[in-house]
Amino acid sequence: MTAIVYVAAALAEIAGCFSFWMWLRQDKPVWWIAPGIASLCLFAWLLTLVDSDAAGRAYAAYGGVYVAASLAWLWAVEGARPDRWDLIGAGVCLAGAAIVLLGPRSA
């Protein structure tokens, strides 16, 4: 369930930020930010659903998923194929996220 929440949160955050990008950098109308704000609110709510004992740990692990999802967005939405360095970097980030989220904790 955590993986699904992280992926949904990443898509919501990227979509929200992308709407601001399009408004500010691609001269889209100001109304483009309205769905972006809603999407960013959804992102924040989704992160509260992660089963973690600490918010900071949940956010840190999310960072790896965000990197990988951003590269998927790059390819799917922006039409730019990630190169091998992008993929290696995303793999390293996902490995780090797994360590943060799944590493054994002492009581």
N, C-alpha and C. Protein backbone atom coordinates (compact mmCIF):
# COMPACT_ATOMS: atom_id res chain seq x y z
N MET A 1 0.82 -1.20 0.00
CA MET A 1 0.00 0.00 0.00
C MET A 1 0.87 1.27 0.00
N THR A 2 1.98 1.23 0.72
CA THR A 2 2.87 2.39 0.79
C THR A 2 3.38 2.77 -0.59
N ALA A 3 3.75 1.79 -1.40
CA ALA A 3 4.25 2.07 -2.74
C ALA A 3 3.19 2.76 -3.59
N ILE A 4 1.96 2.31 -3.48
CA ILE A 4 0.87 2.92 -4.25
C ILE A 4 0.66 4.37 -3.81
N VAL A 5 0.69 4.60 -2.51
CA VAL A 5 0.52 5.97 -2.00
C VAL A 5 1.66 6.86 -2.48
N TYR A 6 2.89 6.35 -2.42
CA TYR A 6 4.03 7.14 -2.88
C TYR A 6 3.92 7.48 -4.37
N VAL A 7 3.54 6.53 -5.18
CA VAL A 7 3.41 6.80 -6.62
C VAL A 7 2.30 7.81 -6.88
N ALA A 8 1.16 7.64 -6.21
CA ALA A 8 0.06 8.61 -6.37
C ALA A 8 0.48 10.00 -5.90
N ALA A 9 1.20 10.07 -4.78
CA ALA A 9 1.67 11.36 -4.27
C ALA A 9 2.64 12.01 -5.26
N ALA A 10 3.52 11.20 -5.83
CA ALA A 10 4.49 11.75 -6.79
C ALA A 10 3.78 12.31 -8.01
N LEU A 11 2.81 11.58 -8.53
CA LEU A 11 2.08 12.07 -9.70
C LEU A 11 1.31 13.35 -9.37
N ALA A 12 0.72 13.40 -8.17
CA ALA A 12 0.00 14.61 -7.77
C ALA A 12 0.94 15.79 -7.62
N GLU A 13 2.10 15.57 -7.01
CA GLU A 13 3.04 16.68 -6.83
C GLU A 13 3.60 17.16 -8.17
N ILE A 14 3.98 16.22 -9.01
CA ILE A 14 4.55 16.60 -10.30
C ILE A 14 3.50 17.33 -11.15
N ALA A 15 2.29 16.83 -11.17
CA ALA A 15 1.23 17.50 -11.94
C ALA A 15 0.98 18.91 -11.40
N GLY A 16 0.97 19.04 -10.08
CA GLY A 16 0.76 20.37 -9.49
C GLY A 16 1.86 21.34 -9.85
N CYS A 17 3.08 20.89 -9.72
CA CYS A 17 4.22 21.76 -10.06
C CYS A 17 4.27 22.05 -11.56
N PHE A 18 3.91 21.06 -12.36
CA PHE A 18 3.92 21.23 -13.81
C PHE A 18 2.93 22.32 -14.24
N SER A 19 1.79 22.40 -13.55
CA SER A 19 0.83 23.43 -13.92
C SER A 19 1.41 24.83 -13.69
N PHE A 20 2.17 25.01 -12.61
CA PHE A 20 2.84 26.29 -12.38
C PHE A 20 3.93 26.52 -13.42
N TRP A 21 4.67 25.48 -13.76
CA TRP A 21 5.70 25.56 -14.79
C TRP A 21 5.09 26.05 -16.11
N MET A 22 3.97 25.44 -16.48
CA MET A 22 3.34 25.82 -17.74
C MET A 22 2.86 27.26 -17.70
N TRP A 23 2.32 27.70 -16.57
CA TRP A 23 1.85 29.08 -16.47
C TRP A 23 3.02 30.06 -16.53
N LEU A 24 4.06 29.80 -15.74
CA LEU A 24 5.16 30.76 -15.64
C LEU A 24 6.19 30.66 -16.76
N ARG A 25 6.41 29.46 -17.28
CA ARG A 25 7.48 29.28 -18.26
C ARG A 25 6.99 29.09 -19.69
N GLN A 26 5.73 28.68 -19.83
CA GLN A 26 5.20 28.42 -21.18
C GLN A 26 4.03 29.34 -21.53
N ASP A 27 3.85 30.37 -20.74
CA ASP A 27 2.84 31.40 -21.00
C ASP A 27 1.41 30.87 -21.12
N LYS A 28 1.08 29.87 -20.31
CA LYS A 28 -0.30 29.40 -20.26
C LYS A 28 -1.11 30.36 -19.40
N PRO A 29 -2.44 30.36 -19.56
CA PRO A 29 -3.28 31.27 -18.77
C PRO A 29 -3.17 30.98 -17.27
N VAL A 30 -3.44 31.99 -16.46
CA VAL A 30 -3.31 31.88 -15.01
C VAL A 30 -4.21 30.78 -14.43
N TRP A 31 -5.31 30.47 -15.10
CA TRP A 31 -6.19 29.44 -14.57
C TRP A 31 -5.52 28.07 -14.54
N TRP A 32 -4.40 27.90 -15.20
CA TRP A 32 -3.66 26.63 -15.14
C TRP A 32 -3.22 26.30 -13.72
N ILE A 33 -3.10 27.31 -12.86
CA ILE A 33 -2.64 27.01 -11.50
C ILE A 33 -3.74 26.46 -10.61
N ALA A 34 -5.01 26.64 -10.96
CA ALA A 34 -6.10 26.13 -10.12
C ALA A 34 -6.04 24.61 -9.96
N PRO A 35 -5.96 23.84 -11.04
CA PRO A 35 -5.82 22.39 -10.84
C PRO A 35 -4.48 22.03 -10.19
N GLY A 36 -3.48 22.87 -10.40
CA GLY A 36 -2.19 22.64 -9.77
C GLY A 36 -2.27 22.74 -8.26
N ILE A 37 -2.99 23.73 -7.77
CA ILE A 37 -3.16 23.88 -6.33
C ILE A 37 -3.93 22.69 -5.76
N ALA A 38 -4.98 22.27 -6.44
CA ALA A 38 -5.74 21.11 -5.99
C ALA A 38 -4.85 19.86 -5.97
N SER A 39 -4.04 19.72 -6.98
CA SER A 39 -3.15 18.57 -7.07
C SER A 39 -2.11 18.58 -5.95
N LEU A 40 -1.59 19.74 -5.62
CA LEU A 40 -0.62 19.83 -4.53
C LEU A 40 -1.27 19.56 -3.18
N CYS A 41 -2.52 19.95 -3.00
CA CYS A 41 -3.24 19.60 -1.77
C CYS A 41 -3.44 18.08 -1.69
N LEU A 42 -3.77 17.45 -2.80
CA LEU A 42 -3.91 15.99 -2.83
C LEU A 42 -2.59 15.33 -2.48
N PHE A 43 -1.50 15.84 -3.01
CA PHE A 43 -0.17 15.32 -2.71
C PHE A 43 0.10 15.34 -1.20
N ALA A 44 -0.15 16.47 -0.57
CA ALA A 44 0.11 16.60 0.87
C ALA A 44 -0.75 15.62 1.67
N TRP A 45 -2.00 15.47 1.30
CA TRP A 45 -2.88 14.53 1.99
C TRP A 45 -2.40 13.10 1.81
N LEU A 46 -2.01 12.75 0.59
CA LEU A 46 -1.55 11.38 0.33
C LEU A 46 -0.35 11.01 1.20
N LEU A 47 0.57 11.93 1.39
CA LEU A 47 1.74 11.60 2.20
C LEU A 47 1.38 11.31 3.65
N THR A 48 0.25 11.82 4.11
CA THR A 48 -0.16 11.51 5.49
C THR A 48 -0.63 10.06 5.62
N LEU A 49 -0.87 9.39 4.51
CA LEU A 49 -1.35 8.01 4.54
C LEU A 49 -0.22 6.99 4.65
N VAL A 50 1.02 7.43 4.52
CA VAL A 50 2.16 6.52 4.58
C VAL A 50 2.31 5.99 6.01
N ASP A 51 2.49 4.68 6.12
CA ASP A 51 2.67 4.05 7.43
C ASP A 51 4.12 4.22 7.87
N SER A 52 4.37 5.26 8.64
CA SER A 52 5.71 5.55 9.14
C SER A 52 5.58 6.15 10.53
N ASP A 53 6.59 5.90 11.36
CA ASP A 53 6.55 6.44 12.71
C ASP A 53 6.96 7.90 12.77
N ALA A 54 7.51 8.43 11.68
CA ALA A 54 7.96 9.82 11.65
C ALA A 54 7.73 10.42 10.27
N ALA A 55 7.23 11.64 10.26
CA ALA A 55 6.96 12.31 8.99
C ALA A 55 8.24 12.47 8.17
N GLY A 56 9.33 12.88 8.82
CA GLY A 56 10.58 13.09 8.09
C GLY A 56 11.07 11.85 7.38
N ARG A 57 10.90 10.69 8.01
CA ARG A 57 11.32 9.44 7.39
C ARG A 57 10.43 9.12 6.19
N ALA A 58 9.14 9.36 6.33
CA ALA A 58 8.22 9.13 5.21
C ALA A 58 8.57 10.04 4.05
N TYR A 59 8.90 11.30 4.34
CA TYR A 59 9.25 12.25 3.28
C TYR A 59 10.58 11.89 2.63
N ALA A 60 11.54 11.45 3.43
CA ALA A 60 12.85 11.08 2.89
C ALA A 60 12.72 9.90 1.93
N ALA A 61 11.97 8.89 2.33
CA ALA A 61 11.78 7.74 1.45
C ALA A 61 11.01 8.14 0.20
N TYR A 62 10.07 9.04 0.34
CA TYR A 62 9.30 9.52 -0.81
C TYR A 62 10.20 10.16 -1.86
N GLY A 63 11.27 10.79 -1.42
CA GLY A 63 12.16 11.48 -2.35
C GLY A 63 12.66 10.58 -3.48
N GLY A 64 12.99 9.35 -3.17
CA GLY A 64 13.46 8.42 -4.20
C GLY A 64 12.37 8.11 -5.22
N VAL A 65 11.16 7.93 -4.73
CA VAL A 65 10.03 7.68 -5.63
C VAL A 65 9.77 8.90 -6.50
N TYR A 66 9.90 10.08 -5.92
CA TYR A 66 9.69 11.32 -6.67
C TYR A 66 10.67 11.43 -7.84
N VAL A 67 11.92 11.10 -7.61
CA VAL A 67 12.93 11.18 -8.66
C VAL A 67 12.56 10.25 -9.82
N ALA A 68 12.22 9.01 -9.50
CA ALA A 68 11.86 8.05 -10.54
C ALA A 68 10.59 8.49 -11.27
N ALA A 69 9.60 8.96 -10.54
CA ALA A 69 8.35 9.40 -11.16
C ALA A 69 8.57 10.64 -12.03
N SER A 70 9.47 11.51 -11.62
CA SER A 70 9.78 12.69 -12.43
C SER A 70 10.37 12.31 -13.78
N LEU A 71 11.21 11.29 -13.78
CA LEU A 71 11.78 10.83 -15.05
C LEU A 71 10.74 10.14 -15.91
N ALA A 72 9.81 9.43 -15.29
CA ALA A 72 8.71 8.85 -16.06
C ALA A 72 7.85 9.95 -16.67
N TRP A 73 7.61 11.02 -15.91
CA TRP A 73 6.86 12.18 -16.41
C TRP A 73 7.61 12.82 -17.59
N LEU A 74 8.92 12.97 -17.42
CA LEU A 74 9.75 13.53 -18.49
C LEU A 74 9.51 12.80 -19.80
N TRP A 75 9.46 11.49 -19.72
CA TRP A 75 9.29 10.67 -20.91
C TRP A 75 7.84 10.69 -21.41
N ALA A 76 6.89 10.43 -20.51
CA ALA A 76 5.49 10.28 -20.91
C ALA A 76 4.82 11.58 -21.30
N VAL A 77 5.10 12.66 -20.58
CA VAL A 77 4.39 13.92 -20.80
C VAL A 77 5.20 14.88 -21.66
N GLU A 78 6.50 14.97 -21.39
CA GLU A 78 7.32 15.94 -22.10
C GLU A 78 8.00 15.36 -23.35
N GLY A 79 7.93 14.05 -23.50
CA GLY A 79 8.46 13.43 -24.70
C GLY A 79 9.97 13.35 -24.78
N ALA A 80 10.66 13.53 -23.68
CA ALA A 80 12.13 13.44 -23.65
C ALA A 80 12.51 12.13 -22.94
N ARG A 81 13.19 11.27 -23.64
CA ARG A 81 13.54 9.97 -23.08
C ARG A 81 14.70 10.10 -22.10
N PRO A 82 14.54 9.55 -20.89
CA PRO A 82 15.64 9.59 -19.93
C PRO A 82 16.85 8.81 -20.46
N ASP A 83 18.04 9.30 -20.17
CA ASP A 83 19.24 8.60 -20.61
C ASP A 83 19.71 7.64 -19.52
N ARG A 84 20.81 6.95 -19.77
CA ARG A 84 21.27 5.95 -18.81
C ARG A 84 21.64 6.57 -17.47
N TRP A 85 22.13 7.80 -17.48
CA TRP A 85 22.51 8.45 -16.23
C TRP A 85 21.27 8.79 -15.42
N ASP A 86 20.21 9.20 -16.09
CA ASP A 86 18.94 9.42 -15.40
C ASP A 86 18.48 8.13 -14.73
N LEU A 87 18.54 7.03 -15.46
CA LEU A 87 18.07 5.75 -14.93
C LEU A 87 18.95 5.24 -13.79
N ILE A 88 20.25 5.40 -13.93
CA ILE A 88 21.15 5.01 -12.84
C ILE A 88 20.86 5.85 -11.60
N GLY A 89 20.72 7.14 -11.78
CA GLY A 89 20.42 8.02 -10.65
C GLY A 89 19.10 7.66 -9.98
N ALA A 90 18.08 7.36 -10.78
CA ALA A 90 16.79 6.97 -10.21
C ALA A 90 16.92 5.66 -9.44
N GLY A 91 17.70 4.73 -9.96
CA GLY A 91 17.92 3.47 -9.25
C GLY A 91 18.60 3.68 -7.91
N VAL A 92 19.60 4.55 -7.89
CA VAL A 92 20.28 4.86 -6.63
C VAL A 92 19.30 5.51 -5.65
N CYS A 93 18.48 6.42 -6.13
CA CYS A 93 17.50 7.08 -5.26
C CYS A 93 16.49 6.09 -4.71
N LEU A 94 16.01 5.17 -5.55
CA LEU A 94 15.05 4.17 -5.08
C LEU A 94 15.69 3.23 -4.06
N ALA A 95 16.95 2.88 -4.29
CA ALA A 95 17.65 2.04 -3.31
C ALA A 95 17.76 2.78 -1.97
N GLY A 96 18.09 4.05 -2.02
CA GLY A 96 18.16 4.84 -0.80
C GLY A 96 16.81 4.94 -0.10
N ALA A 97 15.76 5.12 -0.88
CA ALA A 97 14.41 5.19 -0.30
C ALA A 97 14.07 3.88 0.41
N ALA A 98 14.42 2.76 -0.21
CA ALA A 98 14.13 1.46 0.40
C ALA A 98 14.90 1.30 1.71
N ILE A 99 16.15 1.75 1.72
CA ILE A 99 16.93 1.65 2.95
C ILE A 99 16.31 2.49 4.07
N VAL A 100 15.91 3.70 3.75
CA VAL A 100 15.30 4.59 4.74
C VAL A 100 13.99 4.01 5.25
N LEU A 101 13.17 3.53 4.36
CA LEU A 101 11.84 3.07 4.75
C LEU A 101 11.84 1.69 5.39
N LEU A 102 12.69 0.78 4.89
CA LEU A 102 12.62 -0.61 5.31
C LEU A 102 13.74 -1.05 6.25
N GLY A 103 14.71 -0.18 6.49
CA GLY A 103 15.82 -0.55 7.35
C GLY A 103 15.37 -0.89 8.77
N PRO A 104 16.06 -1.82 9.41
CA PRO A 104 15.67 -2.20 10.78
C PRO A 104 15.86 -1.04 11.74
N ARG A 105 14.94 -0.89 12.64
CA ARG A 105 14.98 0.18 13.62
C ARG A 105 15.16 -0.43 15.02
N SER A 106 16.00 0.17 15.82
CA SER A 106 16.14 -0.30 17.19
C SER A 106 15.06 0.35 18.05
N ALA A 107 14.63 -0.36 19.04
CA ALA A 107 13.54 0.12 19.89
C ALA A 107 13.94 1.21 20.83
